[in-house]
Each structure stands twice: as structure tokens, then as C-alpha cells.
Amino acid sequence: MQRKNRTLSSIIFFIKEANVSEYFKNVPKVKYEGPKSKNPFAFKFYDPDRKVAGKTMREQLKFGMAWWHTLCANGQDMFGSPTMDKSFGNKEAMDLAKAKVDAGFEFMDKLGIDYYCFHDRDIAPEGRNIDESTENLNTIVDILKEKQKESGKKLLWGTANLFNNPRYMHGAGTAPNADAFAYAAAQLKAALEATKKLDGAGYTCWGGREGYETLLNTDMGLELDNMARLFKMLIAHADKIGFTGPFYIEPKPKEPTKHQYDFDAATCVNFLRAYGLMDRFRLNIETNHATLAGHTMQHELRVARVNGVFGSVDANQGDMLLGWDTDQFPTDVYGAGLAMYEILKAGGFTTGGLNFDAKQRRGSFTLDDVAIAHIAGMDGFALGLLLADRMIEDGRIDKFVEERYASWKSGIGKSIIDGKESLESLYAYVQKMGEVTTNTSGRQEELESVMNQCLMSIDF
């Protein structure tokens, strides 16, 4: 009898497996083949098991798949209709949502990506009311939970889409309409609970429309106060349901709102300090958002690091000739290297990771292109990791910076840092000293040359 049951179970399992669709049919399991490989479906630089700075590349980089781009973005832009078919053979909204779960986990398995991120409306369609929307969300969350058990994949962070629906046309947490604020709070509750159920490592708050178009119709003080009120409600509910992960704010200066309150890392740090939120919030830094703010990714990561709020990264890049958020895959090795330099200096990722908030170009419209683009991004950051590790190991940059600030370790510099000096005492010091004669060269070009040398001396 037991033998018959085992045979029957095997038949049922076989039928179940045979009925599962393969969505990325042309994409094999991607493996490392080295820098000489010409196989588009192979890693040239990302070797998951290679140890760099004491951890494997897989552990250091913690790649994540962005549900909204990988499984939802269809090539539509402000000037043209979709160019990509992301229907996965389905027309009904919930059937499509379920198919995307299968497609997403197939994709992560084939590329060896361990994490994913989502907005609530990415994974489940909005219903006719908040209850139906939450029911749709919970249905897909249950399926995701099972998929995580089967595959070992994990949720890096979840979030709520508080910017698409017309109810949020003037903002969500900063809306002039209290009903819109209340709806955002209800949606946040459901999204946070979904993240908790999926054991998400963190929760991101991106203020897509939290800002203003003109100050002529804006009460900035009230809007900022209300944003903080919403965040404090979020923390209170997290404590109630036992969610212990960090919350992330994702800086972005503009688009879709002309001026957003989370303009850049420094603005976000100021907001968190002003409202007493530094202990629960970190920053999720995105490259393209950094450049839109007039900064480099390294600058934004450095601001987060020195203020103790480095958390996670949305890995992409922009086009410096275009003034909007192009969300391209990160293939700029120098940019990735300088980003990883800051990340390694911050001690590496803990709860955060490298989420590919990136989409292939509109003309790269096949599902094969989705995989090829991710491979390019993973290789780009692998090279960046190797470059950053070599720069730190080489030591010349760190040594130069240390020597450049040596005057603060003794004499008058140390006395200033120790709090022993005043304007009066420093006036007297300068009277005796005379003119400043000890300035030395900043050697920027030499340090950039060192970076080039480190890149070209990487071993494979």
C-alpha cells in the first residue's frame, strides 16, 4: 500500500511539474565562464563563490530583482506605447499576478539572484476598495511565502505604491486632503504586514509624490510634519506586529514631483534628525537619483555612511545627457567601484543589498534581453567590488587621505578637536604663526591614476 502511495505521489508530482510553464525559455542557468567568454548568457566577472574582502561575491553583493521592472515594465514611455509583452500568457489581473510569481522565481533561479523587492501593486492588482485590494495582496503573499520556502529566495524589502493612483495626485503622506493621507495609512498597514509575513529584511518608503510643484499653494511645514506623523504610525504598527527590520527612505530630488522633500541624502538625514527618526530609519540610495540631485553615487553613499544611516542600494545608472530617471542597468565600472568602495568602508551590507531598480532600453524588448541586462549589471558590480577591494588593499588612497589630515592629530589641530581652543586663543596663535605655509597638493590626478592602476591589475 505504501509503495502504491509513493508511486501515485510521484505521478502527481510529475504532472504538476509538467504543467508548470517556463517563461524564460531561452535563458539557461547562468554560470561564471570568465572574461574571455562570448556567451551572452554567462557571467564574465561575477563569480558567486569567489571570496573578496573576506566574503563571497554572492554575500558581498546581495543582488535583488526589482519586481516592477523585471516583471511589469513593458517599454511604454511618455512618447510611445509598450514594446514588451509582460502578460506571461494571461489576461485576467489575478491570473497574471500569479503567473508573475512563477516567472519571477524562475528568473531568480536561472540567474542565481537570492533576493527580490516589490511595491504592493506590483505583485497584486488594486481592487474596488481597500478590503479587496488587501485580499488580492494577501492571496499573492501566501503564494510568495510558499515559493520562498521551496526556493530559499528572500524578500529584501517591501513597499507600498503611494504615487500611481489619482487619489495621490497631490501626495500621500504630504497630501493636503486628510482622506488621501488616511488611505495611504491603510495601504501602508497592509503592505507592512505583507512584508512581515514574507520575513522581509526591511521596508522602504519612497516619496514618489511627496513634494510640491509650486510653493504658492503649499503649506510646507504642515506637509513635513504630516510625513513624520505617518512614519511614526508606521513604526508603531511595526512594533505591534513584531517587524524589527529597518525602514529606508529613498532620496530623489524630482520626477514626478518638481521638488520632492526627500531631495538627497543630506536632506533626508536632516528630516530624520529633526523628527527623531534616526534610530529606526536608514537610506536606500539610488545612483540615478543621486545624479538627478547633482551628486555622484559615491557622494550620497558617503553622506549616508558618515551619518550612520547607510542601508541599501538601488543599483542602476542614468544617462548624463538626459535629465530624467532612465533607470539603466549599471555597467559603469568606475561608478560601481566607487560605490562599492563606500559600501565596503561602511562594513558591507547587513539588512540591505543591491536591488536592480533598472530596466533594459525600450528597443531591447525580448525576455532574453531582461536576462542579458541583469547579467551585464551583475558583472558591472562584480568588477566594481574587485576594484574597490583592490583600492583598499593597495592602501595608497587611504594613506594619502590620512597624511593630508595629519595636522589634526597633533599640535594646534588636536587641541582644537579636544575642545581646548577658542576664537581668542586661535587669534593669538595666528599672531605668532604668521602666514599659512604648509599647504600641500591634493594630488587628485595621481589618485585617479591609482584607481586606474588598481582596475587594470585585477586578476581573473
Protein backbone atom coordinates (compact mmCIF):
# COMPACT_ATOMS: atom_id res chain seq x y z
CA MET A 1 0.00 0.00 0.00
CA GLN A 2 2.82 2.38 0.92
CA ARG A 3 4.57 1.57 -2.35
CA LYS A 4 1.41 2.38 -4.33
CA ASN A 5 1.04 5.69 -2.49
CA ARG A 6 4.63 6.60 -3.26
CA THR A 7 4.10 5.80 -6.93
CA LEU A 8 0.89 7.85 -7.02
CA SER A 9 2.64 10.77 -5.35
CA SER A 10 5.42 10.59 -7.92
CA ILE A 11 2.89 10.65 -10.76
CA ILE A 12 1.06 13.64 -9.26
CA PHE A 13 4.37 15.47 -8.77
CA PHE A 14 5.39 14.70 -12.37
CA ILE A 15 2.08 16.01 -13.73
CA LYS A 16 2.33 19.13 -11.57
CA GLU A 17 5.86 19.82 -12.78
CA ALA A 18 4.90 19.16 -16.41
CA ASN A 19 2.11 21.73 -16.15
CA VAL A 20 4.39 24.50 -14.85
CA SER A 21 5.13 26.97 -17.65
CA GLU A 22 8.68 28.01 -18.43
CA TYR A 23 8.60 31.71 -19.19
CA PHE A 24 12.26 32.50 -19.87
CA LYS A 25 12.65 29.54 -22.22
CA ASN A 26 15.83 30.67 -23.96
CA VAL A 27 17.61 31.54 -20.72
CA PRO A 28 19.69 28.71 -19.24
CA LYS A 29 21.04 28.62 -15.71
CA VAL A 30 23.65 31.33 -15.92
CA LYS A 31 27.14 30.37 -14.81
CA TYR A 32 30.51 32.06 -14.49
CA GLU A 33 32.66 31.47 -17.58
CA GLY A 34 35.31 34.17 -17.15
CA PRO A 35 36.24 37.37 -19.00
CA LYS A 36 37.04 35.61 -22.29
CA SER A 37 33.57 34.10 -22.68
CA LYS A 38 31.45 35.35 -25.56
CA ASN A 39 28.30 33.63 -24.29
CA PRO A 40 25.66 36.33 -23.63
CA PHE A 41 24.10 34.05 -21.01
CA ALA A 42 27.26 33.71 -18.92
CA PHE A 43 28.91 35.81 -16.22
CA LYS A 44 32.26 37.19 -17.25
CA PHE A 45 33.26 38.77 -13.93
CA TYR A 46 30.63 37.75 -11.36
CA ASP A 47 31.91 34.54 -9.80
CA PRO A 48 29.45 33.90 -6.93
CA ASP A 49 31.85 31.75 -4.91
CA ARG A 50 34.96 33.91 -5.31
CA LYS A 51 36.00 35.43 -1.99
CA VAL A 52 36.55 39.17 -1.91
CA ALA A 53 37.28 41.06 1.32
CA GLY A 54 36.51 38.01 3.44
CA LYS A 55 33.16 37.07 1.88
CA THR A 56 31.99 35.52 -1.34
CA MET A 57 30.82 37.81 -4.12
CA ARG A 58 27.33 36.42 -3.55
CA GLU A 59 27.44 37.54 0.09
CA GLN A 60 29.05 40.92 -0.61
CA LEU A 61 26.74 41.97 -3.42
CA LYS A 62 23.38 40.53 -2.30
CA PHE A 63 21.67 41.06 -5.64
CA GLY A 64 17.93 41.67 -5.69
CA MET A 65 15.34 41.56 -8.50
CA ALA A 66 13.00 44.55 -8.75
CA TRP A 67 9.52 43.13 -9.36
CA TRP A 68 8.26 46.34 -11.01
CA HIS A 69 10.90 46.49 -13.73
CA THR A 70 11.70 42.83 -14.33
CA LEU A 71 8.12 41.54 -14.40
CA CYS A 72 5.98 44.63 -15.02
CA ALA A 73 7.83 47.23 -17.12
CA ASN A 74 6.71 46.90 -20.75
CA GLY A 75 8.69 49.57 -22.56
CA GLN A 76 5.97 52.19 -22.53
CA ASP A 77 7.22 55.73 -22.16
CA MET A 78 5.74 59.21 -22.32
CA PHE A 79 6.06 59.21 -26.12
CA GLY A 80 5.15 55.65 -27.03
CA SER A 81 3.14 52.52 -26.35
CA PRO A 82 4.53 49.25 -24.90
CA THR A 83 7.16 47.33 -26.82
CA MET A 84 7.44 44.32 -24.49
CA ASP A 85 4.95 41.58 -23.72
CA LYS A 86 4.86 41.01 -19.96
CA SER A 87 1.43 39.32 -19.98
CA PHE A 88 3.02 35.89 -19.49
CA GLY A 89 0.08 34.39 -21.37
CA ASN A 90 -2.64 35.82 -19.09
CA LYS A 91 -5.35 38.46 -19.39
CA GLU A 92 -7.12 38.40 -16.01
CA ALA A 93 -5.38 40.53 -13.39
CA MET A 94 -5.08 37.93 -10.64
CA ASP A 95 -4.08 35.18 -13.09
CA LEU A 96 -1.32 37.48 -14.36
CA ALA A 97 -0.22 38.25 -10.79
CA LYS A 98 0.11 34.53 -10.08
CA ALA A 99 1.97 33.91 -13.33
CA LYS A 100 4.44 36.66 -12.44
CA VAL A 101 5.28 34.79 -9.24
CA ASP A 102 6.25 31.71 -11.24
CA ALA A 103 8.10 33.80 -13.81
CA GLY A 104 9.94 35.79 -11.15
CA PHE A 105 11.16 32.80 -9.19
CA GLU A 106 12.17 31.03 -12.41
CA PHE A 107 14.17 34.12 -13.38
CA MET A 108 15.88 34.42 -9.99
CA ASP A 109 16.74 30.73 -10.03
CA LYS A 110 18.29 30.89 -13.51
CA LEU A 111 20.43 33.94 -12.67
CA GLY A 112 21.28 32.94 -9.10
CA ILE A 113 19.64 36.05 -7.62
CA ASP A 114 18.78 35.49 -3.95
CA TYR A 115 16.52 38.46 -3.18
CA TYR A 116 13.62 40.43 -4.60
CA CYS A 117 11.82 43.70 -3.85
CA PHE A 118 8.28 44.84 -4.61
CA HIS A 119 5.60 47.50 -4.30
CA ASP A 120 2.25 46.13 -3.17
CA ARG A 121 0.61 46.99 -6.51
CA ASP A 122 3.41 45.27 -8.45
CA ILE A 123 2.54 41.87 -7.07
CA ALA A 124 -1.26 42.21 -6.81
CA PRO A 125 -3.82 44.39 -8.61
CA GLU A 126 -5.75 47.12 -6.86
CA GLY A 127 -9.35 46.18 -6.06
CA ARG A 128 -12.58 48.16 -5.91
CA ASN A 129 -11.91 49.14 -2.28
CA ILE A 130 -9.24 48.77 0.37
CA ASP A 131 -10.54 45.39 1.55
CA GLU A 132 -10.48 43.89 -1.93
CA SER A 133 -7.03 45.32 -2.60
CA THR A 134 -5.75 43.84 0.66
CA GLU A 135 -7.38 40.48 -0.12
CA ASN A 136 -5.65 40.42 -3.53
CA LEU A 137 -2.35 41.30 -1.87
CA ASN A 138 -2.68 38.62 0.80
CA THR A 139 -3.56 35.96 -1.79
CA ILE A 140 -0.31 36.60 -3.68
CA VAL A 141 1.68 36.92 -0.46
CA ASP A 142 0.59 33.40 0.52
CA ILE A 143 1.87 32.11 -2.84
CA LEU A 144 5.12 34.03 -2.45
CA LYS A 145 5.59 32.54 1.01
CA GLU A 146 5.38 29.03 -0.40
CA LYS A 147 7.74 29.92 -3.24
CA GLN A 148 10.27 31.28 -0.75
CA LYS A 149 10.12 28.02 1.22
CA GLU A 150 10.69 25.95 -1.92
CA SER A 151 13.49 28.08 -3.36
CA GLY A 152 15.28 29.71 -0.44
CA LYS A 153 14.81 33.14 -2.04
CA LYS A 154 14.20 36.06 0.31
CA LEU A 155 12.44 39.41 0.35
CA LEU A 156 15.00 42.22 0.62
CA TRP A 157 12.32 44.83 1.25
CA GLY A 158 8.71 45.62 0.52
CA THR A 159 6.95 48.92 -0.02
CA ALA A 160 3.61 50.49 -0.95
CA ASN A 161 2.87 52.26 -4.21
CA LEU A 162 1.56 55.60 -2.97
CA PHE A 163 2.00 57.52 -6.21
CA ASN A 164 0.20 55.87 -9.15
CA ASN A 165 -3.46 56.15 -8.16
CA PRO A 166 -5.13 59.54 -8.83
CA ARG A 167 -6.01 59.79 -5.13
CA TYR A 168 -2.31 60.56 -4.57
CA MET A 169 -2.07 63.27 -7.22
CA HIS A 170 -1.02 65.82 -4.56
CA GLY A 171 0.92 63.36 -2.41
CA ALA A 172 0.13 60.68 0.16
CA GLY A 173 1.78 61.43 3.50
CA THR A 174 2.02 65.08 2.44
CA ALA A 175 -1.43 65.34 0.82
CA PRO A 176 -3.49 68.48 1.50
CA ASN A 177 -6.50 66.13 1.68
CA ALA A 178 -6.72 64.25 5.01
CA ASP A 179 -8.72 61.44 3.35
CA ALA A 180 -5.83 60.75 0.96
CA PHE A 181 -3.47 60.63 3.96
CA ALA A 182 -5.81 58.16 5.68
CA TYR A 183 -5.96 55.93 2.59
CA ALA A 184 -2.16 55.94 2.39
CA ALA A 185 -2.01 54.87 6.05
CA ALA A 186 -4.41 51.99 5.36
CA GLN A 187 -2.34 50.89 2.36
CA LEU A 188 0.86 51.12 4.41
CA LYS A 189 -0.64 48.89 7.09
CA ALA A 190 -1.39 46.15 4.57
CA ALA A 191 1.98 46.46 2.82
CA LEU A 192 3.95 46.34 6.09
CA GLU A 193 2.00 43.29 7.23
CA ALA A 194 2.72 41.61 3.88
CA THR A 195 6.43 42.38 4.29
CA LYS A 196 6.39 40.95 7.80
CA LYS A 197 4.64 37.76 6.65
CA LEU A 198 7.33 37.28 4.00
CA ASP A 199 10.12 37.86 6.53
CA GLY A 200 11.27 40.94 4.63
CA ALA A 201 14.64 42.25 5.82
CA GLY A 202 13.48 45.87 5.55
CA TYR A 203 10.74 48.24 4.43
CA THR A 204 11.26 51.17 2.02
CA CYS A 205 9.41 54.49 1.98
CA TRP A 206 9.77 56.23 -1.37
CA GLY A 207 8.03 59.58 -1.57
CA GLY A 208 7.08 59.50 -5.24
CA ARG A 209 4.77 62.49 -4.94
CA GLU A 210 5.80 63.80 -1.53
CA GLY A 211 6.74 67.31 -2.57
CA TYR A 212 5.35 70.28 -4.43
CA GLU A 213 5.01 71.89 -7.85
CA THR A 214 4.72 75.46 -6.51
CA LEU A 215 5.02 76.98 -3.06
CA LEU A 216 2.14 79.31 -3.90
CA ASN A 217 -0.33 76.59 -2.88
CA THR A 218 1.81 74.66 -0.37
CA ASP A 219 1.99 74.57 3.44
CA MET A 220 5.46 73.06 3.65
CA GLY A 221 5.60 72.96 7.45
CA LEU A 222 2.33 71.01 7.75
CA GLU A 223 3.30 68.62 4.97
CA LEU A 224 6.64 67.76 6.58
CA ASP A 225 5.01 67.36 9.99
CA ASN A 226 2.41 65.02 8.48
CA MET A 227 5.07 62.94 6.72
CA ALA A 228 6.75 62.45 10.09
CA ARG A 229 3.38 61.58 11.68
CA LEU A 230 2.85 58.87 9.07
CA PHE A 231 6.34 57.45 9.65
CA LYS A 232 5.73 57.34 13.38
CA MET A 233 2.46 55.48 12.78
CA LEU A 234 4.43 53.04 10.63
CA ILE A 235 6.94 52.46 13.42
CA ALA A 236 4.16 51.98 15.97
CA HIS A 237 2.47 49.35 13.81
CA ALA A 238 5.79 47.63 13.17
CA ASP A 239 6.29 47.32 16.92
CA LYS A 240 2.75 45.99 17.31
CA ILE A 241 3.17 43.21 14.71
CA GLY A 242 6.78 42.41 15.57
CA PHE A 243 8.50 43.77 12.47
CA THR A 244 12.07 44.54 13.56
CA GLY A 245 13.77 45.40 10.27
CA PRO A 246 14.94 48.91 9.39
CA PHE A 247 12.86 51.39 7.44
CA TYR A 248 14.52 53.03 4.46
CA ILE A 249 13.97 56.44 2.91
CA GLU A 250 14.96 56.63 -0.74
CA PRO A 251 16.25 60.09 -1.75
CA LYS A 252 15.13 61.58 -5.06
CA PRO A 253 15.12 65.28 -5.98
CA LYS A 254 12.37 65.43 -8.60
CA GLU A 255 10.23 63.43 -11.03
CA PRO A 256 7.36 63.02 -10.88
CA THR A 257 7.04 65.96 -8.45
CA LYS A 258 9.12 69.01 -9.38
CA HIS A 259 10.63 69.30 -5.90
CA GLN A 260 10.47 66.32 -3.57
CA TYR A 261 11.04 66.52 0.17
CA ASP A 262 13.50 63.58 0.05
CA PHE A 263 15.73 65.61 -2.31
CA ASP A 264 19.06 63.94 -1.45
CA ALA A 265 20.82 62.05 1.33
CA ALA A 266 21.66 65.18 3.32
CA THR A 267 18.05 66.43 3.15
CA CYS A 268 16.79 63.05 4.35
CA VAL A 269 19.29 62.98 7.22
CA ASN A 270 18.14 66.43 8.28
CA PHE A 271 14.49 65.31 8.18
CA LEU A 272 15.22 62.18 10.25
CA ARG A 273 17.14 64.18 12.86
CA ALA A 274 14.53 66.92 13.05
CA TYR A 275 11.74 64.43 13.80
CA GLY A 276 13.65 61.99 15.99
CA LEU A 277 13.63 59.11 13.49
CA MET A 278 17.35 58.38 13.17
CA ASP A 279 17.20 55.23 15.28
CA ARG A 280 14.70 53.41 13.03
CA PHE A 281 15.44 54.72 9.54
CA ARG A 282 18.28 54.19 7.09
CA LEU A 283 18.74 55.33 3.49
CA ASN A 284 18.20 53.35 0.31
CA ILE A 285 20.46 55.17 -2.17
CA GLU A 286 19.91 55.04 -5.94
CA THR A 287 22.54 56.06 -8.48
CA ASN A 288 20.21 57.74 -10.96
CA HIS A 289 18.54 59.69 -8.16
CA ALA A 290 21.96 60.84 -6.96
CA THR A 291 22.88 62.22 -10.37
CA LEU A 292 19.49 63.93 -10.73
CA ALA A 293 20.29 65.74 -7.47
CA GLY A 294 23.60 66.93 -8.92
CA HIS A 295 25.67 64.44 -6.90
CA THR A 296 27.63 61.28 -7.52
CA MET A 297 26.58 57.95 -6.08
CA GLN A 298 29.78 57.95 -4.04
CA HIS A 299 28.82 61.31 -2.52
CA GLU A 300 25.37 60.10 -1.48
CA LEU A 301 26.76 56.89 -0.01
CA ARG A 302 29.45 58.84 1.85
CA VAL A 303 26.82 61.16 3.35
CA ALA A 304 24.81 58.14 4.48
CA ARG A 305 27.90 56.38 5.83
CA VAL A 306 29.34 59.26 7.87
CA ASN A 307 25.90 59.93 9.37
CA GLY A 308 25.37 56.28 10.30
CA VAL A 309 22.34 55.73 8.06
CA PHE A 310 23.74 53.62 5.23
CA GLY A 311 21.23 50.88 4.49
CA SER A 312 20.62 49.59 0.99
CA VAL A 313 21.19 50.42 -2.69
CA ASP A 314 19.06 50.62 -5.81
CA ALA A 315 21.62 49.63 -8.42
CA ASN A 316 21.26 51.44 -11.72
CA GLN A 317 22.71 54.37 -13.62
CA GLY A 318 21.45 57.33 -15.61
CA ASP A 319 22.44 58.90 -18.90
CA MET A 320 24.34 62.11 -18.19
CA LEU A 321 22.99 63.60 -21.44
CA LEU A 322 19.39 63.16 -20.29
CA GLY A 323 17.72 64.99 -17.44
CA TRP A 324 15.39 62.29 -16.21
CA ASP A 325 15.40 58.96 -14.42
CA THR A 326 16.39 56.49 -17.16
CA ASP A 327 16.98 53.55 -14.77
CA GLN A 328 19.64 51.89 -16.92
CA PHE A 329 21.49 48.78 -15.83
CA PRO A 330 24.78 49.61 -14.07
CA THR A 331 27.64 48.90 -16.47
CA ASP A 332 29.86 51.85 -15.44
CA VAL A 333 32.73 50.08 -13.69
CA TYR A 334 34.17 53.25 -12.15
CA GLY A 335 30.80 54.26 -10.73
CA ALA A 336 30.22 50.78 -9.35
CA GLY A 337 33.77 50.69 -7.96
CA LEU A 338 33.40 53.96 -6.09
CA ALA A 339 30.01 52.83 -4.77
CA MET A 340 31.42 49.53 -3.55
CA TYR A 341 34.36 51.40 -2.00
CA GLU A 342 31.88 53.25 0.23
CA ILE A 343 29.88 50.10 0.92
CA LEU A 344 32.95 48.14 1.99
CA LYS A 345 34.09 51.08 4.13
CA ALA A 346 30.65 51.01 5.78
CA GLY A 347 31.20 47.36 6.72
CA GLY A 348 29.21 45.92 3.82
CA PHE A 349 25.54 45.15 3.65
CA THR A 350 23.63 43.89 6.69
CA THR A 351 19.89 44.05 6.05
CA GLY A 352 20.26 45.79 2.67
CA GLY A 353 21.57 44.74 -0.72
CA LEU A 354 21.90 45.69 -4.40
CA ASN A 355 18.38 45.85 -5.82
CA PHE A 356 18.31 46.22 -9.62
CA ASP A 357 15.94 49.15 -9.93
CA ALA A 358 16.77 49.06 -13.62
CA LYS A 359 15.13 48.23 -16.91
CA GLN A 360 16.52 47.42 -20.32
CA ARG A 361 16.14 50.01 -23.06
CA ARG A 362 12.80 50.26 -24.87
CA GLY A 363 14.26 48.74 -28.02
CA SER A 364 15.60 45.71 -26.10
CA PHE A 365 12.15 44.17 -25.93
CA THR A 366 12.54 40.40 -25.51
CA LEU A 367 12.56 38.34 -22.33
CA ASP A 368 16.08 37.28 -23.31
CA ASP A 369 17.08 40.95 -23.06
CA VAL A 370 15.80 41.05 -19.47
CA ALA A 371 18.28 38.33 -18.54
CA ILE A 372 21.16 39.77 -20.58
CA ALA A 373 20.66 43.18 -18.94
CA HIS A 374 20.78 41.68 -15.46
CA ILE A 375 23.92 39.73 -16.35
CA ALA A 376 25.56 42.97 -17.53
CA GLY A 377 24.61 44.70 -14.27
CA MET A 378 25.81 41.82 -12.12
CA ASP A 379 29.12 41.74 -13.97
CA GLY A 380 29.40 45.52 -13.65
CA PHE A 381 29.07 45.43 -9.89
CA ALA A 382 31.34 42.39 -9.61
CA LEU A 383 34.05 44.42 -11.33
CA GLY A 384 33.21 47.32 -9.05
CA LEU A 385 33.63 45.10 -6.00
CA LEU A 386 37.00 43.84 -7.22
CA LEU A 387 38.13 47.39 -7.96
CA ALA A 388 37.05 48.68 -4.55
CA ASP A 389 38.75 45.79 -2.77
CA ARG A 390 41.96 46.39 -4.72
CA MET A 391 41.89 50.14 -3.90
CA ILE A 392 41.53 49.38 -0.19
CA GLU A 393 44.13 46.62 -0.29
CA ASP A 394 46.55 48.84 -2.25
CA GLY A 395 46.34 51.37 0.56
CA ARG A 396 47.74 54.41 -1.24
CA ILE A 397 44.45 56.32 -1.29
CA ASP A 398 43.75 55.72 2.40
CA LYS A 399 47.34 56.62 3.27
CA PHE A 400 47.17 59.84 1.27
CA VAL A 401 43.94 60.93 2.98
CA GLU A 402 45.39 60.12 6.40
CA GLU A 403 48.54 62.15 5.70
CA ARG A 404 46.54 65.03 4.23
CA TYR A 405 44.77 65.48 7.57
CA ALA A 406 47.80 64.73 9.76
CA SER A 407 47.81 68.27 11.21
CA TRP A 408 44.66 67.37 13.17
CA LYS A 409 46.42 64.61 15.12
CA SER A 410 48.93 66.80 16.97
CA GLY A 411 49.67 70.39 17.86
CA ILE A 412 47.01 73.02 17.33
CA GLY A 413 44.78 70.67 15.31
CA LYS A 414 44.50 68.16 18.14
CA SER A 415 43.96 70.99 20.60
CA ILE A 416 41.02 72.27 18.51
CA ILE A 417 39.47 68.80 18.31
CA ASP A 418 39.92 68.33 22.05
CA GLY A 419 37.86 71.48 22.61
CA LYS A 420 40.69 73.44 24.22
CA GLU A 421 40.68 76.39 21.82
CA SER A 422 38.51 79.48 21.29
CA LEU A 423 38.39 82.30 18.74
CA GLU A 424 40.53 84.38 21.11
CA SER A 425 43.17 81.68 21.59
CA LEU A 426 43.34 80.97 17.86
CA TYR A 427 43.76 84.69 17.13
CA ALA A 428 46.75 84.69 19.44
CA TYR A 429 48.08 81.51 17.78
CA VAL A 430 47.88 83.10 14.32
CA GLN A 431 49.66 86.25 15.59
CA LYS A 432 52.64 84.09 16.50
CA MET A 433 52.39 81.79 13.45
CA GLY A 434 52.21 84.40 10.74
CA GLU A 435 51.12 83.19 7.27
CA VAL A 436 49.95 79.64 6.43
CA THR A 437 52.89 77.98 4.66
CA THR A 438 52.20 74.25 5.00
CA ASN A 439 49.52 73.57 2.39
CA THR A 440 50.28 70.53 0.23
CA SER A 441 48.97 69.32 -3.12
CA GLY A 442 45.63 67.48 -3.25
CA ARG A 443 47.10 65.17 -5.94
CA GLN A 444 43.68 64.41 -7.47
CA GLU A 445 45.16 63.27 -10.78
CA GLU A 446 47.61 60.92 -9.06
CA LEU A 447 44.80 59.32 -7.05
CA GLU A 448 42.70 58.87 -10.18
CA SER A 449 45.70 57.23 -11.79
CA VAL A 450 45.98 54.90 -8.77
CA MET A 451 42.35 53.91 -9.34
CA ASN A 452 43.12 53.13 -12.99
CA GLN A 453 46.11 51.06 -11.94
CA CYS A 454 44.02 49.13 -9.43
CA LEU A 455 41.42 48.36 -12.09
CA MET A 456 43.98 47.12 -14.60
CA SER A 457 45.74 44.92 -12.05
CA ILE A 458 42.68 42.83 -11.13
CA ASP A 459 43.38 39.10 -11.51
CA PHE A 460 40.91 36.63 -13.06
